[in-house]
Structure formats: C-alpha cells, structure tokens
Amino acid sequence: MGLLRIMMPPKLQLLAVLAFAVAMLFLENQIQKLEESRSKLERAIARHEVREIEQRHTMDGPRPDAALDEEEDMVIIYNRVPKTASTSFTNIAYDLCAKNKYHVLHINTTKNNPVMSLQDQVRFVKNITSWKEMKPGFYHGHVSYLDFAKFGVKKKPIYINVIRDPIERLVSYYYFLRFGDDYRPGLRRRKQGDKKTFDECVAEGGSDCAPEKLWLQIPFFCGHSSECWNVGSRWAMDQAKYNLINEYFLVGVTEELEDFIMLLEAALPRFFRGATELYRTVGKKSHLRKTTEKKLPTKQTIAKLQQSDIWKMENEFYEFALEQFQFIRAHAVREKDGDLYILSQNFFYEKIYPKSN
C-alpha cells in the first residue's frame, strides 16, 4: 500500500481517499437501512403475533364481561435497567410462560427511549389494564416508572426490577456498546471499532465514561417527571427511593439474582413456579449474558469516579435498594448448610367470632 502511494500522483491519491470515504459512507448508509428494515420487520411480526393470539381467543370464545379471577387478572411490569442482568432474568420468564400459562410482551420503544410521550402513556396504560387477552401478562422493557394511579386506574400493575452496582453497570455498558455480547455476537454496535479501554476513557475525560453516565438507575425509578432526568437532582433520588418502597413489589440486585428469583417464586407462584430450579440447573449457564472484551477498571479509575457527587447519589440509591432487598430476604428465608430455604406460612387465624352453629 505504501509503494502504491509513492507511485501514484497526488491527485490520484486524493481521488482514491475520496473514493474510499464515499464507499465507507455508502456502506454505513446501507447498514443503517438494513437495521431500520429489521426493526420494521420485527414490529410487523409482533403485530402479526398479537393478531394471531387475539384470533385464537376469539375462536375459543370471548371472555365474559365478568371480572377475571384475581390471579388471571394479574399484570407484572419489569421496567428493566440496561446492563443489570435483565436479559438473563427475562429469559426465565420466557421459558416459563407456556408452562405457567401467561403472556410475555416486550415494550419496544423507539431508540430505547425510556420516557414515553403523554399520548403514549395513555395508550400504554389503556393496553395494560384492558387487554384481557394478554392477561395474566408479564411486560418488560427499558422504560422508566409510570404511575398508573394518575390515569384513574383502579387496579395497578405489579412493578419489579433489578439494579446493579453503578460503576459495574457503567463499565459493562461501555464495553457492550463497543464489543456487544455473546447473546447476539454478530450485531453491529454503536461504538464498534473504538478500542479505547474504560480506564483510558476516564483518564482522558471522555464523554462515554463521564460521571453523568452513571445517572440512570435513579431516573428509571423516579419516573416521567422532568426533574427525574435532571442529573444530580436530590429530589429525583428521594422520589426514586419513595417509589422503590411504595410502588415496587420487589427490587433485587444483580449480584444476588438467584435470591431475587427465589423470593419471586415464593410470593408470585402464578408466574414464577419453577423459576429457581430452572435458574439453578440451566439459567446460570445458558441465560447469563456476558459482555465481550470487558476489562475491569483499576482502583485509580474507580477512585476517580467515586469523587463525583453523581456517583455518591447513585451509590446511595443502590445501597438503599440492597438494604431493603436483604431485609425482605432475611424475613422470608432461613439458611441451612449454606443453602437458603423459603419459610413456610408463619401466621394463622384464631378466636374467630361469632361462632357458627
């Protein structure tokens, strides 16, 4: 190549460079078009699957207008935070849905935008609450918390979630954007070709590893208010904590995913019956999605990020969630020979009056 440059006149060299640049732009444009076509095809397939299910329910006979059985009327929303083992957990739900007889639906938002427009919020709430053919239903997607009560809904869905150590989550996401993972290894990623390590990015003050990028788990739990997405907002963190305690049925942590699954199976067997055994025997190997080429950050890199007020807030929220999860677990299980076992029912009724004849 170097010899060709020497032999070629400068004008031809310039033309060759321009031709190469045009070819690369053309290829990038074609790749973009292919990805758009794939997204359209996925949406078309999803619409077709929905129509098939609705037709099947119609053929089986319409459901009566009477209220559904409480368990059959149940809806779970898993508004999954990116890079928290969410795919691994969701695959458990997919594996169990046929056996346990419920529906799983992915909430696919344009460009994975976690904030819905007001009109989409109304549509989503209406779908969730009135779509009887999809009940019981397990909905999952990268969407921030949405308060159903503000739309006048009588019965709200059950929210669950999983969060992760904020720096570990950011490191995983950083390398995911560059190298992808073993779940879809052939898919082209947004930052593909960038070989810079996370340590190098932090040392150079890069935007992809800036402390602002840590601000994600708090707004996901805070919701759709503008202040939730104001990086470093103390109000947002307080609201996220409030929602975690008052609006979420259970929030686990990536580092203790098996215990999270065990608690869900004990409390919500309609959906998660068999989940713990499935995860122990199959899930740990086949479901865990591993980011490719991930390099652990150095202590110096971690220390630099931990100086940020944003990290301090995200970490405070993570520690708050972890403490709450461990509190719930401590009152639901017992340990024997290093293994955890779910406690049996620990209350009963007595002194029931008036006495029946």
Protein backbone atom coordinates (compact mmCIF):
# COMPACT_ATOMS: atom_id res chain seq x y z
CA MET A 1 0.00 0.00 0.00
CA GLY A 2 2.89 2.31 0.84
CA LEU A 3 4.53 1.55 -2.55
CA LEU A 4 1.29 2.37 -4.36
CA ARG A 5 1.13 5.74 -2.59
CA ILE A 6 4.67 6.52 -3.78
CA MET A 7 3.88 5.53 -7.36
CA MET A 8 0.50 7.33 -7.55
CA PRO A 9 0.36 11.06 -8.34
CA PRO A 10 -1.01 13.26 -5.52
CA LYS A 11 -4.28 13.91 -7.38
CA LEU A 12 -4.92 10.21 -7.81
CA GLN A 13 -4.08 9.64 -4.15
CA LEU A 14 -6.66 12.27 -3.20
CA LEU A 15 -9.23 10.71 -5.51
CA ALA A 16 -8.53 7.28 -4.01
CA VAL A 17 -9.03 8.63 -0.48
CA LEU A 18 -12.26 10.35 -1.50
CA ALA A 19 -13.50 7.20 -3.24
CA PHE A 20 -12.74 5.17 -0.12
CA ALA A 21 -14.54 7.69 2.09
CA VAL A 22 -17.60 7.67 -0.21
CA ALA A 23 -17.60 3.86 -0.21
CA MET A 24 -17.48 3.79 3.60
CA LEU A 25 -20.34 6.31 3.85
CA PHE A 26 -22.33 4.23 1.37
CA LEU A 27 -21.74 1.08 3.42
CA GLU A 28 -22.70 2.84 6.67
CA ASN A 29 -25.88 4.09 4.98
CA GLN A 30 -26.74 0.59 3.75
CA ILE A 31 -26.14 -0.87 7.21
CA GLN A 32 -28.41 1.79 8.71
CA LYS A 33 -31.12 0.97 6.16
CA LEU A 34 -30.81 -2.75 6.92
CA GLU A 35 -31.17 -2.09 10.66
CA GLU A 36 -34.25 0.09 10.01
CA SER A 37 -35.71 -2.64 7.81
CA ARG A 38 -35.03 -5.20 10.56
CA SER A 39 -36.81 -3.01 13.11
CA LYS A 40 -39.82 -2.62 10.81
CA LEU A 41 -39.90 -6.36 10.22
CA GLU A 42 -39.75 -7.04 13.98
CA ARG A 43 -42.68 -4.67 14.55
CA ALA A 44 -44.67 -6.29 11.74
CA ILE A 45 -44.01 -9.76 13.16
CA ALA A 46 -45.04 -8.57 16.63
CA ARG A 47 -48.31 -7.13 15.28
CA HIS A 48 -48.97 -10.40 13.44
CA GLU A 49 -48.34 -12.44 16.59
CA VAL A 50 -50.75 -10.23 18.55
CA ARG A 51 -53.46 -10.66 15.89
CA GLU A 52 -52.95 -14.43 15.94
CA ILE A 53 -53.36 -14.57 19.72
CA GLU A 54 -56.48 -12.39 19.62
CA GLN A 55 -57.98 -14.54 16.85
CA ARG A 56 -57.22 -17.69 18.84
CA HIS A 57 -59.00 -16.24 21.88
CA THR A 58 -61.95 -15.27 19.66
CA MET A 59 -62.18 -18.81 18.25
CA ASP A 60 -62.10 -20.24 21.76
CA GLY A 61 -64.99 -17.98 22.62
CA PRO A 62 -64.99 -14.43 24.01
CA ARG A 63 -64.36 -14.00 27.68
CA PRO A 64 -67.38 -12.99 29.73
CA ASP A 65 -67.65 -9.41 30.86
CA ALA A 66 -67.46 -10.57 34.44
CA ALA A 67 -64.26 -9.72 36.27
CA LEU A 68 -61.39 -12.13 35.80
CA ASP A 69 -60.15 -14.26 38.64
CA GLU A 70 -57.67 -12.20 40.64
CA GLU A 71 -54.65 -14.28 39.63
CA GLU A 72 -55.76 -14.30 35.98
CA ASP A 73 -56.13 -10.50 36.06
CA MET A 74 -52.55 -10.02 37.21
CA VAL A 75 -50.04 -7.89 35.26
CA ILE A 76 -46.35 -7.55 36.10
CA ILE A 77 -44.18 -4.76 34.69
CA TYR A 78 -40.42 -5.22 34.72
CA ASN A 79 -39.08 -1.82 33.64
CA ARG A 80 -35.59 -3.19 33.24
CA VAL A 81 -32.48 -1.04 33.67
CA PRO A 82 -29.85 -1.70 30.95
CA LYS A 83 -26.90 -3.95 31.87
CA THR A 84 -28.27 -5.31 35.14
CA ALA A 85 -28.68 -8.97 34.01
CA SER A 86 -32.13 -8.01 32.73
CA THR A 87 -31.92 -10.28 29.65
CA SER A 88 -30.91 -13.23 31.82
CA PHE A 89 -33.90 -12.72 34.11
CA THR A 90 -36.34 -12.03 31.27
CA ASN A 91 -35.37 -15.29 29.56
CA ILE A 92 -36.50 -17.12 32.68
CA ALA A 93 -39.94 -15.54 32.22
CA TYR A 94 -39.99 -16.59 28.56
CA ASP A 95 -39.01 -20.15 29.42
CA LEU A 96 -41.83 -20.46 31.96
CA CYS A 97 -44.68 -18.65 30.17
CA ALA A 98 -46.07 -21.66 28.25
CA LYS A 99 -45.87 -23.98 31.25
CA ASN A 100 -47.34 -21.46 33.72
CA LYS A 101 -49.84 -20.11 31.18
CA TYR A 102 -49.18 -16.38 30.99
CA HIS A 103 -48.11 -13.97 28.25
CA VAL A 104 -44.75 -12.19 27.94
CA LEU A 105 -44.59 -8.94 25.98
CA HIS A 106 -41.57 -6.76 25.21
CA ILE A 107 -42.15 -2.99 25.37
CA ASN A 108 -40.05 -1.83 22.39
CA THR A 109 -39.69 1.96 22.47
CA THR A 110 -38.15 3.93 19.59
CA LYS A 111 -34.37 4.17 20.08
CA ASN A 112 -34.87 2.65 23.56
CA ASN A 113 -36.13 6.00 24.84
CA PRO A 114 -37.17 5.36 28.47
CA VAL A 115 -39.54 8.38 28.54
CA MET A 116 -42.89 7.99 26.78
CA SER A 117 -44.85 10.86 25.28
CA LEU A 118 -48.03 11.80 27.14
CA GLN A 119 -50.23 10.24 24.44
CA ASP A 120 -48.17 7.03 24.53
CA GLN A 121 -48.51 6.92 28.30
CA VAL A 122 -52.31 6.97 27.89
CA ARG A 123 -52.18 4.25 25.22
CA PHE A 124 -49.85 2.10 27.32
CA VAL A 125 -51.99 2.38 30.46
CA LYS A 126 -55.11 1.53 28.45
CA ASN A 127 -53.41 -1.50 26.86
CA ILE A 128 -52.11 -2.84 30.15
CA THR A 129 -55.40 -2.53 32.01
CA SER A 130 -57.97 -3.51 29.37
CA TRP A 131 -56.18 -6.05 27.15
CA LYS A 132 -57.80 -9.15 28.67
CA GLU A 133 -56.40 -11.48 26.00
CA MET A 134 -52.89 -10.75 27.31
CA LYS A 135 -53.70 -11.45 30.95
CA PRO A 136 -52.04 -12.66 33.01
CA GLY A 137 -49.19 -10.69 31.47
CA PHE A 138 -45.50 -10.04 32.05
CA TYR A 139 -44.35 -6.82 30.34
CA HIS A 140 -40.69 -5.90 30.13
CA GLY A 141 -38.73 -3.07 28.53
CA HIS A 142 -36.33 -0.20 29.10
CA VAL A 143 -39.00 2.24 30.29
CA SER A 144 -38.92 4.48 33.34
CA TYR A 145 -41.51 4.05 36.09
CA LEU A 146 -45.01 5.20 35.18
CA ASP A 147 -47.58 5.98 37.88
CA PHE A 148 -50.82 4.31 36.77
CA ALA A 149 -52.81 5.97 39.57
CA LYS A 150 -52.61 9.39 37.88
CA PHE A 151 -54.62 7.96 34.97
CA GLY A 152 -57.52 6.92 37.21
CA VAL A 153 -56.75 3.21 37.07
CA LYS A 154 -58.40 1.19 39.85
CA LYS A 155 -56.04 -1.78 39.79
CA LYS A 156 -52.37 -1.00 39.25
CA PRO A 157 -49.86 -3.46 37.81
CA ILE A 158 -47.14 -5.06 39.94
CA TYR A 159 -43.74 -3.46 39.39
CA ILE A 160 -40.50 -5.39 39.87
CA ASN A 161 -36.90 -4.54 38.98
CA VAL A 162 -33.22 -5.37 39.43
CA ILE A 163 -30.39 -2.87 39.92
CA ARG A 164 -26.62 -3.13 39.98
CA ASP A 165 -23.53 -1.51 41.47
CA PRO A 166 -23.45 1.76 39.45
CA ILE A 167 -19.80 1.62 38.36
CA GLU A 168 -20.02 -2.05 37.40
CA ARG A 169 -23.14 -1.28 35.37
CA LEU A 170 -21.45 1.62 33.55
CA VAL A 171 -18.31 -0.42 32.77
CA SER A 172 -20.45 -3.23 31.37
CA TYR A 173 -22.45 -0.78 29.23
CA TYR A 174 -19.27 0.93 27.99
CA TYR A 175 -17.83 -2.30 26.59
CA PHE A 176 -21.24 -3.52 25.40
CA LEU A 177 -21.50 -0.50 23.07
CA ARG A 178 -18.11 -1.39 21.56
CA PHE A 179 -17.97 -5.16 21.50
CA GLY A 180 -21.50 -6.41 22.11
CA ASP A 181 -22.05 -9.66 23.99
CA ASP A 182 -22.39 -13.41 23.48
CA TYR A 183 -26.19 -13.12 23.15
CA ARG A 184 -26.15 -11.58 19.66
CA PRO A 185 -22.45 -11.64 18.71
CA GLY A 186 -22.93 -10.63 15.06
CA LEU A 187 -24.91 -7.46 15.72
CA ARG A 188 -23.09 -4.22 14.90
CA ARG A 189 -22.82 -1.96 17.95
CA ARG A 190 -22.93 1.83 18.09
CA LYS A 191 -19.30 2.32 19.15
CA GLN A 192 -17.88 -0.67 17.27
CA GLY A 193 -14.23 -0.12 16.30
CA ASP A 194 -13.39 2.04 19.31
CA LYS A 195 -10.68 0.06 21.14
CA LYS A 196 -10.17 2.54 23.97
CA THR A 197 -10.39 0.91 27.39
CA PHE A 198 -12.61 2.26 30.14
CA ASP A 199 -9.51 3.24 32.13
CA GLU A 200 -8.18 5.24 29.17
CA CYS A 201 -11.56 6.90 28.69
CA VAL A 202 -11.71 8.04 32.32
CA ALA A 203 -8.09 9.23 32.27
CA GLU A 204 -8.80 11.34 29.17
CA GLY A 205 -12.11 12.68 30.50
CA GLY A 206 -14.17 11.03 27.75
CA SER A 207 -17.92 11.56 27.49
CA ASP A 208 -18.85 7.85 27.39
CA CYS A 209 -17.41 7.26 30.85
CA ALA A 210 -18.22 10.63 32.42
CA PRO A 211 -19.90 10.60 35.87
CA GLU A 212 -23.09 11.89 34.20
CA LYS A 213 -23.41 8.48 32.51
CA LEU A 214 -23.89 6.92 35.95
CA TRP A 215 -27.22 8.75 36.27
CA LEU A 216 -29.62 6.05 35.09
CA GLN A 217 -30.99 3.86 37.86
CA ILE A 218 -32.34 6.81 39.84
CA PRO A 219 -34.35 8.27 36.91
CA PHE A 220 -35.65 4.81 35.94
CA PHE A 221 -37.21 4.51 39.40
CA CYS A 222 -38.11 8.19 39.69
CA GLY A 223 -40.28 8.20 36.56
CA HIS A 224 -41.55 10.53 33.89
CA SER A 225 -41.19 13.88 35.67
CA SER A 226 -38.69 16.29 34.14
CA GLU A 227 -36.80 16.60 37.42
CA CYS A 228 -36.13 12.84 37.38
CA TRP A 229 -33.78 13.34 34.43
CA ASN A 230 -32.04 16.38 35.88
CA VAL A 231 -28.61 14.85 36.59
CA GLY A 232 -27.71 15.07 40.26
CA SER A 233 -31.18 16.04 41.47
CA ARG A 234 -31.68 15.30 45.16
CA TRP A 235 -35.45 15.42 44.63
CA ALA A 236 -35.14 12.71 41.96
CA MET A 237 -33.23 10.43 44.31
CA ASP A 238 -35.76 10.92 47.11
CA GLN A 239 -38.61 10.19 44.70
CA ALA A 240 -36.82 7.08 43.42
CA LYS A 241 -36.46 5.83 47.00
CA TYR A 242 -40.13 6.55 47.69
CA ASN A 243 -41.22 4.65 44.58
CA LEU A 244 -38.94 1.72 45.36
CA ILE A 245 -40.55 1.29 48.79
CA ASN A 246 -44.15 2.16 47.93
CA GLU A 247 -44.67 1.24 44.27
CA TYR A 248 -42.41 -1.77 43.67
CA PHE A 249 -43.34 -5.24 44.83
CA LEU A 250 -39.70 -6.38 44.89
CA VAL A 251 -36.38 -4.93 43.73
CA GLY A 252 -33.40 -7.26 43.58
CA VAL A 253 -29.72 -6.75 42.82
CA THR A 254 -27.69 -8.29 40.01
CA GLU A 255 -25.15 -9.68 42.45
CA GLU A 256 -27.86 -11.75 44.21
CA LEU A 257 -30.09 -12.62 41.26
CA GLU A 258 -30.82 -16.18 42.38
CA ASP A 259 -32.21 -14.98 45.71
CA PHE A 260 -34.39 -12.46 43.87
CA ILE A 261 -35.82 -15.25 41.70
CA MET A 262 -36.38 -17.45 44.75
CA LEU A 263 -38.38 -14.74 46.52
CA LEU A 264 -40.49 -14.10 43.42
CA GLU A 265 -41.30 -17.80 43.10
CA ALA A 266 -42.39 -17.94 46.74
CA ALA A 267 -44.53 -14.80 46.54
CA LEU A 268 -45.86 -14.96 42.95
CA PRO A 269 -46.01 -18.67 42.00
CA ARG A 270 -48.65 -17.95 39.31
CA PHE A 271 -45.78 -16.58 37.19
CA PHE A 272 -42.58 -17.93 38.71
CA ARG A 273 -43.37 -21.51 39.73
CA GLY A 274 -40.24 -23.50 38.81
CA ALA A 275 -38.06 -20.43 38.27
CA THR A 276 -35.49 -21.16 40.98
CA GLU A 277 -34.80 -24.70 39.84
CA LEU A 278 -34.67 -23.56 36.21
CA TYR A 279 -32.15 -20.88 37.06
CA ARG A 280 -30.00 -23.22 39.14
CA THR A 281 -29.90 -26.02 36.57
CA VAL A 282 -29.99 -24.15 33.29
CA GLY A 283 -30.08 -20.39 33.77
CA LYS A 284 -26.66 -19.83 35.28
CA LYS A 285 -25.04 -21.27 32.16
CA SER A 286 -27.35 -20.53 29.25
CA HIS A 287 -29.09 -17.34 30.33
CA LEU A 288 -26.27 -15.23 31.67
CA ARG A 289 -25.41 -12.66 29.01
CA LYS A 290 -21.71 -11.78 29.06
CA THR A 291 -20.34 -8.55 27.61
CA THR A 292 -17.43 -9.27 25.28
CA GLU A 293 -13.89 -7.90 25.81
CA LYS A 294 -14.80 -6.33 29.16
CA LYS A 295 -11.78 -5.25 31.22
CA LEU A 296 -12.19 -4.48 34.90
CA PRO A 297 -11.28 -0.88 35.81
CA THR A 298 -8.27 -0.14 38.00
CA LYS A 299 -8.56 1.11 41.58
CA GLN A 300 -7.40 4.54 40.38
CA THR A 301 -10.24 4.71 37.85
CA ILE A 302 -12.81 3.66 40.43
CA ALA A 303 -11.47 6.18 42.95
CA LYS A 304 -11.72 8.98 40.39
CA LEU A 305 -15.37 8.19 39.61
CA GLN A 306 -16.18 7.89 43.30
CA GLN A 307 -15.18 11.53 43.81
CA SER A 308 -18.24 12.56 41.82
CA ASP A 309 -21.40 13.69 43.60
CA ILE A 310 -23.37 11.81 40.94
CA TRP A 311 -21.71 8.53 41.87
CA LYS A 312 -22.36 9.24 45.56
CA MET A 313 -26.08 9.66 44.86
CA GLU A 314 -26.40 6.64 42.57
CA ASN A 315 -24.44 4.56 45.05
CA GLU A 316 -26.59 5.77 47.93
CA PHE A 317 -29.67 4.66 45.99
CA TYR A 318 -28.06 1.29 45.21
CA GLU A 319 -27.14 0.74 48.88
CA PHE A 320 -30.69 1.74 49.87
CA ALA A 321 -32.14 -0.84 47.46
CA LEU A 322 -29.68 -3.50 48.60
CA GLU A 323 -30.54 -2.95 52.28
CA GLN A 324 -34.26 -3.20 51.53
CA PHE A 325 -33.78 -6.39 49.50
CA GLN A 326 -31.69 -8.01 52.22
CA PHE A 327 -34.28 -7.01 54.83
CA ILE A 328 -37.05 -8.70 52.84
CA ARG A 329 -34.91 -11.78 52.26
CA ALA A 330 -34.00 -12.07 55.96
CA HIS A 331 -37.69 -12.29 56.86
CA ALA A 332 -38.56 -14.74 54.08
CA VAL A 333 -35.85 -17.41 54.16
CA ARG A 334 -33.73 -19.44 56.52
CA GLU A 335 -30.22 -20.79 55.95
CA LYS A 336 -29.22 -24.42 56.40
CA ASP A 337 -25.87 -25.91 55.42
CA GLY A 338 -25.07 -22.89 53.30
CA ASP A 339 -28.34 -23.04 51.31
CA LEU A 340 -31.40 -20.80 51.58
CA TYR A 341 -34.90 -22.18 52.11
CA ILE A 342 -38.17 -20.30 51.87
CA LEU A 343 -40.04 -20.12 55.18
CA SER A 344 -43.48 -21.71 55.33
CA GLN A 345 -46.53 -19.65 56.35
CA ASN A 346 -45.83 -18.14 59.74
CA PHE A 347 -49.25 -16.82 60.76
CA PHE A 348 -52.72 -18.27 61.34
CA TYR A 349 -56.17 -17.11 62.45
CA GLU A 350 -57.84 -17.85 65.78
CA LYS A 351 -60.56 -16.60 68.13
CA ILE A 352 -62.96 -16.29 65.21
CA TYR A 353 -66.39 -14.90 66.22
CA PRO A 354 -69.30 -15.20 66.07
CA LYS A 355 -69.16 -18.97 66.31
CA SER A 356 -71.02 -20.84 63.61
CA ASN A 357 -73.83 -23.14 64.79
